[in-house]
Amino acid sequence: MVHALTLLAALSAAGASVTASPLGPPKPPKQFVSGNDVNPFVGRKLFANPKWATKLEATYNSFNSKGDRTNANIVRKVQKTGTFVWVTSRSGLSEIDDAIRAARTEQQRTGQKQVVGLVLYNLPDRDCSAGESAGELSSKNDGLRIYKEEFVKPYARKLKDAKDLTFAVVLEPDSLGNAVTNMGVEFCKQAVPVYREGIAFAIKELQLENVGLYIDAAHGGWLGWADNLPLAAKEFATVLSLANANKAPNARNATIRGFSTNVSNYNPYLVTNETRPAYTEWSPSYDESHYASSLSPYLTELGLPAHFIIDQGRVALPGAREEWGEWCNVEPAGFGHTPTADQGVLKNENVDAIVWVKPGGESDGQCGLAGAPRAGAWFGGYVEMLVKNADASVKA
């Protein structure tokens, strides 16, 4: 999954600032907010995927062979940290079954309720603006029907049959970000109607009591500019409206819990105004917490829920990037703050949780660094860097 940023018109707002609220009262009803409006991360532990932990054994052995016990011990802590499981193809649907089995085992062993993080990522014409993570389906080859019938429907059935677990599902990273800023790319222009219909269908299918849905909202460096904030909210409302089209007169609205940000990117959760990077000048969304706060009033105005989960699986170190558009295997970077729903850490009531959506060590693509493997492949040297530069919360 990649973040090719074509910030069309976004940077034209130099000197613009976002107001505290885009419009005054009265507020519309929360038409797309779930009646069961509960943060799924409170009182639960984000499921730690044993498959990812197994991949990290090589990292542990590498540090251990060098006599580096400090970083070897950090690896052991990272292996127990919750991450999301990516489901990116029809054959990959078995990843859900494996995660359910492992989460049930852990829940029974520890007595700690688990929230299983999943990414639903297989739209036709996926990754229209870059191509590093292009998927298996094409809209020209019946891809939308296949997506609905052979991917989304079985995906939903598996979650419905696991009522003893809670799931947090991130829907289609980057797709609607492209709808907001990349309509000048012909492939994106053709793909966006498919994206909208596909995500709307997934929302309808996943209206389950044990599932919290989070539409991907890109990140602050992409959609967080003052000009883009209202456009992003409008795009999300368009998809939710489509999910509710043609429903029975008395049927309950299809709803979501909120939005995911910074998925597979490197932005920090919170920085001080004095330490913000120069490339964030004029942006109200210079870190992901501020992005959540900047976007929230526009969401609320359209009846959308202003709840966020923010990926901190990897965070760029200060000075690592010269611009937000650097998204691929950024160096240097480290594991970010450990997943938490503690408001004492979050300090933002719009944020449900800091999470690790991108499993650190999986390459962003054959870009960014010489010798980087294809997207999703294991990048051993890179994960060692993430360990060395890990946030203090990981090392504690």
Protein backbone atom coordinates (compact mmCIF):
# COMPACT_ATOMS: atom_id res chain seq x y z
CA MET A 1 0.00 0.00 0.00
CA VAL A 2 1.46 3.30 -1.05
CA HIS A 3 0.97 6.99 -0.70
CA ALA A 4 1.70 8.72 -4.00
CA LEU A 5 0.63 12.26 -3.33
CA THR A 6 -0.63 14.40 -6.15
CA LEU A 7 -1.68 17.29 -3.95
CA LEU A 8 -3.73 19.02 -6.60
CA ALA A 9 -4.71 22.46 -5.37
CA ALA A 10 -3.72 21.50 -1.86
CA LEU A 11 -0.64 23.65 -1.71
CA SER A 12 -2.37 26.59 -3.32
CA ALA A 13 -3.78 27.53 0.07
CA ALA A 14 -0.51 28.92 1.41
CA GLY A 15 -1.36 31.32 4.15
CA ALA A 16 -4.88 29.94 4.58
CA SER A 17 -6.02 28.73 7.95
CA VAL A 18 -8.84 26.48 9.04
CA THR A 19 -11.52 27.88 11.30
CA ALA A 20 -12.65 26.15 14.45
CA SER A 21 -15.89 25.12 12.77
CA PRO A 22 -16.78 25.32 9.08
CA LEU A 23 -20.38 26.26 9.74
CA GLY A 24 -22.39 27.39 12.71
CA PRO A 25 -25.44 25.71 14.27
CA PRO A 26 -27.87 24.10 13.86
CA LYS A 27 -26.15 20.73 13.47
CA PRO A 28 -27.72 17.97 11.37
CA PRO A 29 -28.50 14.59 12.92
CA LYS A 30 -25.66 12.08 13.16
CA GLN A 31 -27.14 10.14 10.29
CA PHE A 32 -24.09 7.94 9.69
CA VAL A 33 -23.08 7.45 13.34
CA SER A 34 -23.66 3.99 14.76
CA GLY A 35 -26.33 3.63 17.42
CA ASN A 36 -23.86 1.39 19.23
CA ASP A 37 -21.39 4.25 19.46
CA VAL A 38 -18.66 2.50 21.46
CA ASN A 39 -14.91 2.68 21.04
CA PRO A 40 -13.98 -0.95 20.23
CA PHE A 41 -10.47 -0.52 21.62
CA VAL A 42 -11.47 0.40 25.16
CA GLY A 43 -11.08 -2.58 27.50
CA ARG A 44 -9.57 -4.74 24.76
CA LYS A 45 -6.07 -5.62 23.58
CA LEU A 46 -5.17 -5.21 19.93
CA PHE A 47 -4.53 -8.73 18.64
CA ALA A 48 -0.84 -9.55 18.18
CA ASN A 49 -0.52 -11.55 14.99
CA PRO A 50 1.71 -14.63 15.58
CA LYS A 51 2.52 -14.79 11.87
CA TRP A 52 4.19 -11.38 12.07
CA ALA A 53 5.93 -12.38 15.30
CA THR A 54 7.39 -15.40 13.51
CA LYS A 55 8.84 -13.20 10.76
CA LEU A 56 10.55 -11.14 13.46
CA GLU A 57 12.47 -14.18 14.73
CA ALA A 58 15.08 -13.50 12.05
CA THR A 59 15.42 -9.96 13.38
CA TYR A 60 15.81 -11.26 16.93
CA ASN A 61 18.46 -13.77 15.83
CA SER A 62 20.35 -11.08 13.89
CA PHE A 63 20.68 -8.84 16.95
CA ASN A 64 21.43 -11.79 19.21
CA SER A 65 24.22 -13.05 16.94
CA LYS A 66 25.88 -9.63 17.20
CA GLY A 67 25.66 -9.68 20.98
CA ASP A 68 23.14 -6.83 20.90
CA ARG A 69 20.91 -7.96 23.76
CA THR A 70 19.30 -4.54 24.11
CA ASN A 71 17.74 -4.56 20.66
CA ALA A 72 17.07 -8.29 20.80
CA ASN A 73 14.94 -7.68 23.88
CA ILE A 74 13.10 -4.87 22.09
CA VAL A 75 12.24 -7.33 19.33
CA ARG A 76 10.66 -9.61 21.93
CA LYS A 77 8.44 -6.72 23.04
CA VAL A 78 7.55 -5.85 19.46
CA GLN A 79 6.53 -9.45 18.79
CA LYS A 80 3.86 -9.12 21.48
CA THR A 81 2.53 -5.84 20.09
CA GLY A 82 -0.79 -5.80 18.27
CA THR A 83 -0.87 -5.13 14.54
CA PHE A 84 -3.54 -5.27 11.85
CA VAL A 85 -3.86 -8.23 9.50
CA TRP A 86 -4.04 -7.28 5.83
CA VAL A 87 -6.48 -9.17 3.60
CA THR A 88 -5.59 -8.18 0.06
CA SER A 89 -6.87 -10.91 -2.27
CA ARG A 90 -9.45 -13.67 -2.52
CA SER A 91 -6.86 -16.30 -1.66
CA GLY A 92 -5.86 -14.16 1.30
CA LEU A 93 -9.27 -14.52 2.93
CA SER A 94 -7.77 -17.44 4.83
CA GLU A 95 -5.79 -14.85 6.81
CA ILE A 96 -9.05 -14.01 8.58
CA ASP A 97 -9.54 -17.63 9.63
CA ASP A 98 -5.99 -17.81 10.98
CA ALA A 99 -6.41 -14.56 12.90
CA ILE A 100 -9.70 -15.69 14.42
CA ARG A 101 -8.20 -18.97 15.62
CA ALA A 102 -5.17 -17.27 17.12
CA ALA A 103 -7.21 -14.50 18.75
CA ARG A 104 -9.59 -17.01 20.31
CA THR A 105 -6.67 -18.95 21.69
CA GLU A 106 -5.14 -15.82 23.18
CA GLN A 107 -8.46 -14.65 24.59
CA GLN A 108 -9.02 -17.99 26.30
CA ARG A 109 -5.42 -18.21 27.54
CA THR A 110 -5.25 -14.76 29.08
CA GLY A 111 -8.87 -13.84 29.78
CA GLN A 112 -8.13 -10.52 27.99
CA LYS A 113 -10.71 -9.52 25.39
CA GLN A 114 -9.18 -9.12 21.95
CA VAL A 115 -9.94 -6.62 19.21
CA VAL A 116 -8.77 -8.06 15.91
CA GLY A 117 -7.54 -5.40 13.50
CA LEU A 118 -8.16 -6.17 9.83
CA VAL A 119 -7.56 -4.26 6.61
CA LEU A 120 -9.96 -4.82 3.71
CA TYR A 121 -7.86 -3.97 0.65
CA ASN A 122 -8.73 -5.41 -2.74
CA LEU A 123 -10.66 -2.86 -4.80
CA PRO A 124 -10.57 -3.22 -8.57
CA ASP A 125 -7.99 -0.85 -10.09
CA ARG A 126 -6.37 -0.46 -6.68
CA ASP A 127 -3.59 2.11 -6.19
CA CYS A 128 -4.56 4.11 -9.25
CA SER A 129 -2.01 6.90 -8.77
CA ALA A 130 1.16 4.90 -8.17
CA GLY A 131 0.91 1.19 -8.89
CA GLU A 132 3.35 -0.20 -6.32
CA SER A 133 0.44 -2.06 -4.68
CA ALA A 134 -1.80 -2.77 -7.65
CA GLY A 135 -4.15 -5.64 -6.87
CA GLU A 136 -5.66 -8.70 -8.50
CA LEU A 137 -8.89 -7.15 -9.85
CA SER A 138 -9.62 -4.93 -12.82
CA SER A 139 -12.90 -3.14 -13.45
CA LYS A 140 -12.48 -3.98 -17.13
CA ASN A 141 -12.53 -7.69 -16.31
CA ASP A 142 -15.68 -7.91 -14.16
CA GLY A 143 -13.66 -6.82 -11.14
CA LEU A 144 -16.41 -5.03 -9.25
CA ARG A 145 -18.78 -8.01 -9.33
CA ILE A 146 -15.96 -10.34 -8.29
CA TYR A 147 -14.99 -7.95 -5.49
CA LYS A 148 -18.52 -7.94 -4.11
CA GLU A 149 -19.38 -11.61 -4.49
CA GLU A 150 -16.06 -13.37 -4.01
CA PHE A 151 -14.23 -11.04 -1.62
CA VAL A 152 -16.50 -8.77 0.44
CA LYS A 153 -19.34 -11.24 1.05
CA PRO A 154 -17.13 -14.09 2.33
CA TYR A 155 -15.10 -11.55 4.31
CA ALA A 156 -18.26 -10.41 6.07
CA ARG A 157 -19.49 -13.97 6.70
CA LYS A 158 -16.30 -14.88 8.51
CA LEU A 159 -16.65 -11.93 10.89
CA LYS A 160 -20.34 -12.59 11.44
CA ASP A 161 -19.55 -16.16 12.48
CA ALA A 162 -17.02 -14.99 15.10
CA LYS A 163 -19.36 -13.19 17.48
CA ASP A 164 -17.07 -13.94 20.43
CA LEU A 165 -14.50 -11.51 19.03
CA THR A 166 -14.51 -7.79 18.26
CA PHE A 167 -13.11 -6.55 14.95
CA ALA A 168 -11.84 -3.16 13.79
CA VAL A 169 -11.79 -3.02 9.99
CA VAL A 170 -9.96 -0.40 7.92
CA LEU A 171 -11.62 0.01 4.54
CA GLU A 172 -9.49 0.38 1.41
CA PRO A 173 -6.47 2.56 2.24
CA ASP A 174 -5.76 5.48 -0.11
CA SER A 175 -8.76 4.94 -2.38
CA LEU A 176 -10.91 7.92 -1.40
CA GLY A 177 -7.84 10.10 -0.99
CA ASN A 178 -7.33 9.61 -4.71
CA ALA A 179 -10.95 10.63 -5.26
CA VAL A 180 -10.30 13.96 -3.54
CA THR A 181 -6.99 14.97 -5.12
CA ASN A 182 -6.07 12.76 -8.07
CA MET A 183 -8.95 13.09 -10.51
CA GLY A 184 -6.45 14.63 -12.91
CA VAL A 185 -4.92 11.16 -13.27
CA GLU A 186 -7.00 9.44 -15.95
CA PHE A 187 -6.79 5.99 -14.38
CA CYS A 188 -8.01 7.41 -11.06
CA LYS A 189 -10.81 9.32 -12.76
CA GLN A 190 -12.06 6.05 -14.23
CA ALA A 191 -11.49 4.10 -11.02
CA VAL A 192 -13.15 6.41 -8.50
CA PRO A 193 -16.79 5.45 -9.28
CA VAL A 194 -15.76 1.83 -8.79
CA TYR A 195 -14.05 2.72 -5.52
CA ARG A 196 -17.17 4.46 -4.24
CA GLU A 197 -19.52 1.63 -5.14
CA GLY A 198 -17.17 -1.03 -3.81
CA ILE A 199 -16.62 0.67 -0.43
CA ALA A 200 -20.33 1.43 -0.09
CA PHE A 201 -21.07 -2.25 -0.66
CA ALA A 202 -18.50 -3.28 1.94
CA ILE A 203 -20.05 -0.90 4.47
CA LYS A 204 -23.50 -2.43 3.90
CA GLU A 205 -22.20 -5.99 4.20
CA LEU A 206 -20.27 -5.29 7.39
CA GLN A 207 -23.11 -3.84 9.46
CA LEU A 208 -22.34 -6.26 12.31
CA GLU A 209 -22.55 -5.70 16.06
CA ASN A 210 -19.01 -7.01 16.61
CA VAL A 211 -17.40 -4.86 13.89
CA GLY A 212 -16.16 -1.26 14.04
CA LEU A 213 -15.70 0.16 10.54
CA TYR A 214 -13.11 2.83 9.77
CA ILE A 215 -13.02 4.41 6.30
CA ASP A 216 -9.46 5.32 5.36
CA ALA A 217 -8.89 9.10 5.33
CA ALA A 218 -5.30 9.15 3.99
CA HIS A 219 -3.19 11.42 6.23
CA GLY A 220 -2.66 15.01 7.24
CA GLY A 221 -0.07 15.71 4.57
CA TRP A 222 -2.50 14.63 1.88
CA LEU A 223 -6.04 15.65 2.84
CA GLY A 224 -5.29 17.86 5.84
CA TRP A 225 -4.77 21.12 3.96
CA ALA A 226 -7.44 23.76 4.52
CA ASP A 227 -8.79 23.49 0.96
CA ASN A 228 -8.97 19.70 1.07
CA LEU A 229 -10.69 19.20 4.43
CA PRO A 230 -14.25 20.00 3.27
CA LEU A 231 -13.71 18.09 0.03
CA ALA A 232 -12.63 15.00 1.97
CA ALA A 233 -15.67 15.14 4.26
CA LYS A 234 -17.96 15.53 1.25
CA GLU A 235 -16.37 12.50 -0.42
CA PHE A 236 -16.88 10.35 2.68
CA ALA A 237 -20.50 11.50 2.94
CA THR A 238 -21.03 10.60 -0.72
CA VAL A 239 -19.92 7.02 -0.05
CA LEU A 240 -22.09 6.70 3.07
CA SER A 241 -25.07 8.04 1.15
CA LEU A 242 -24.42 5.48 -1.57
CA ALA A 243 -24.30 2.74 1.09
CA ASN A 244 -27.78 3.82 2.17
CA ALA A 245 -29.30 4.18 -1.28
CA ASN A 246 -32.33 2.03 -2.06
CA LYS A 247 -32.71 0.74 1.49
CA ALA A 248 -36.12 -0.21 2.86
CA PRO A 249 -38.09 2.77 4.28
CA ASN A 250 -37.80 1.65 7.90
CA ALA A 251 -34.39 0.01 7.66
CA ARG A 252 -31.59 1.20 9.91
CA ASN A 253 -28.93 3.39 8.29
CA ALA A 254 -25.64 1.80 7.33
CA THR A 255 -23.07 3.44 9.60
CA ILE A 256 -19.39 3.47 10.44
CA ARG A 257 -17.41 4.00 13.63
CA GLY A 258 -15.02 6.51 12.08
CA PHE A 259 -11.87 6.95 10.03
CA SER A 260 -8.30 5.64 9.87
CA THR A 261 -5.35 7.91 9.12
CA ASN A 262 -1.64 7.61 8.34
CA VAL A 263 -1.99 3.99 7.23
CA SER A 264 1.43 2.81 6.01
CA ASN A 265 2.75 6.36 6.24
CA TYR A 266 5.29 7.94 8.58
CA ASN A 267 3.67 11.01 10.13
CA PRO A 268 4.03 11.50 13.91
CA TYR A 269 0.97 11.48 16.13
CA LEU A 270 1.81 14.72 17.86
CA VAL A 271 4.61 17.27 17.56
CA THR A 272 5.07 20.65 19.17
CA ASN A 273 4.63 23.78 17.11
CA GLU A 274 8.32 24.49 17.63
CA THR A 275 9.45 21.12 16.20
CA ARG A 276 7.06 20.77 13.29
CA PRO A 277 8.83 20.15 9.96
CA ALA A 278 9.23 23.07 7.59
CA TYR A 279 7.17 21.34 4.89
CA THR A 280 4.09 21.51 7.12
CA GLU A 281 4.05 25.31 7.04
CA TRP A 282 0.54 26.73 6.48
CA SER A 283 -1.11 23.39 7.21
CA PRO A 284 -3.55 23.04 10.12
CA SER A 285 -2.80 19.29 10.08
CA TYR A 286 0.92 19.25 10.77
CA ASP A 287 0.64 15.99 12.71
CA GLU A 288 -2.02 13.29 12.78
CA SER A 289 -3.68 14.42 16.01
CA HIS A 290 -4.10 17.90 14.54
CA TYR A 291 -5.41 16.34 11.31
CA ALA A 292 -8.12 14.54 13.28
CA SER A 293 -9.03 17.79 15.01
CA SER A 294 -9.01 19.75 11.73
CA LEU A 295 -11.22 17.27 9.86
CA SER A 296 -13.67 16.58 12.69
CA PRO A 297 -15.92 19.68 12.38
CA TYR A 298 -16.41 19.08 8.67
CA LEU A 299 -17.40 15.48 9.34
CA THR A 300 -19.81 16.46 12.09
CA GLU A 301 -21.46 19.04 9.85
CA LEU A 302 -22.34 16.28 7.37
CA GLY A 303 -23.62 13.86 10.01
CA LEU A 304 -20.47 11.72 9.99
CA PRO A 305 -18.76 10.33 13.10
CA ALA A 306 -15.60 12.18 14.14
CA HIS A 307 -13.70 9.19 15.55
CA PHE A 308 -10.22 8.19 14.40
CA ILE A 309 -7.64 5.47 14.67
CA ILE A 310 -4.13 6.59 13.77
CA ASP A 311 -1.38 4.32 12.49
CA GLN A 312 1.93 4.74 14.30
CA GLY A 313 3.46 1.46 13.18
CA ARG A 314 6.31 3.47 11.69
CA VAL A 315 7.30 7.10 12.26
CA ALA A 316 9.93 9.05 10.38
CA LEU A 317 12.69 10.54 12.50
CA PRO A 318 13.12 14.33 12.40
CA GLY A 319 14.90 15.34 9.20
CA ALA A 320 14.19 12.06 7.42
CA ARG A 321 11.96 13.71 4.82
CA GLU A 322 12.12 16.95 2.92
CA GLU A 323 8.45 16.77 1.94
CA TRP A 324 5.28 14.85 2.77
CA GLY A 325 5.39 13.24 -0.66
CA GLU A 326 8.23 10.94 0.46
CA TRP A 327 6.27 7.83 1.38
CA CYS A 328 8.32 4.80 0.33
CA ASN A 329 10.61 3.00 2.81
CA VAL A 330 11.51 6.29 4.48
CA GLU A 331 14.87 6.32 6.27
CA PRO A 332 15.50 6.78 9.13
CA ALA A 333 12.29 5.67 10.84
CA GLY A 334 11.32 3.72 13.93
CA PHE A 335 8.39 1.90 15.47
CA GLY A 336 6.01 4.53 16.82
CA HIS A 337 4.08 4.68 20.08
CA THR A 338 2.64 1.35 21.15
CA PRO A 339 -1.09 0.86 20.47
CA THR A 340 -3.25 2.50 23.12
CA ALA A 341 -6.73 3.90 23.74
CA ASP A 342 -5.59 5.77 26.85
CA GLN A 343 -6.71 9.39 26.65
CA GLY A 344 -3.88 10.25 29.03
CA VAL A 345 -1.61 9.49 26.05
CA LEU A 346 -3.92 10.48 23.19
CA LYS A 347 -5.03 13.84 24.59
CA ASN A 348 -7.64 14.07 21.83
CA GLU A 349 -11.22 12.94 22.37
CA ASN A 350 -11.69 12.49 18.63
CA VAL A 351 -9.08 9.72 18.59
CA ASP A 352 -10.19 6.19 19.51
CA ALA A 353 -6.70 4.74 19.54
CA ILE A 354 -3.14 4.78 18.32
CA VAL A 355 -2.70 1.52 16.40
CA TRP A 356 -0.13 -0.29 14.29
CA VAL A 357 -1.90 -0.90 10.97
CA LYS A 358 1.18 -1.43 8.82
CA PRO A 359 3.23 -4.38 10.13
CA GLY A 360 6.76 -2.97 10.33
CA GLY A 361 9.22 -4.85 8.15
CA GLU A 362 6.96 -5.25 5.14
CA SER A 363 8.33 -3.19 2.25
CA ASP A 364 6.38 -0.30 0.74
CA GLY A 365 7.61 -1.27 -2.71
CA GLN A 366 10.69 -1.29 -4.88
CA CYS A 367 11.34 2.36 -4.16
CA GLY A 368 12.78 4.69 -1.57
CA LEU A 369 15.91 2.66 -0.85
CA ALA A 370 18.25 0.71 -3.12
CA GLY A 371 17.50 -2.99 -2.99
CA ALA A 372 14.03 -2.58 -1.48
CA PRO A 373 11.85 -5.61 -2.33
CA ARG A 374 8.36 -5.52 -3.83
CA ALA A 375 5.45 -4.18 -1.78
CA GLY A 376 4.59 -6.47 1.12
CA ALA A 377 7.81 -8.51 0.96
CA TRP A 378 9.97 -8.75 4.08
CA PHE A 379 12.72 -6.14 4.33
CA GLY A 380 15.07 -7.45 7.01
CA GLY A 381 17.50 -4.55 7.20
CA TYR A 382 14.65 -2.07 7.39
CA VAL A 383 12.96 -3.73 10.35
CA GLU A 384 16.27 -3.70 12.24
CA MET A 385 16.32 0.06 11.75
CA LEU A 386 12.75 0.32 13.09
CA VAL A 387 13.82 -1.55 16.23
CA LYS A 388 16.89 0.62 16.81
CA ASN A 389 14.83 3.79 16.46
CA ALA A 390 11.75 2.57 18.34
CA ASP A 391 9.68 4.96 20.44
CA ALA A 392 10.37 5.02 24.18
CA SER A 393 6.98 3.38 24.82
CA VAL A 394 8.17 0.32 22.89
CA LYS A 395 11.43 0.08 24.82
CA ALA A 396 9.81 0.55 28.25
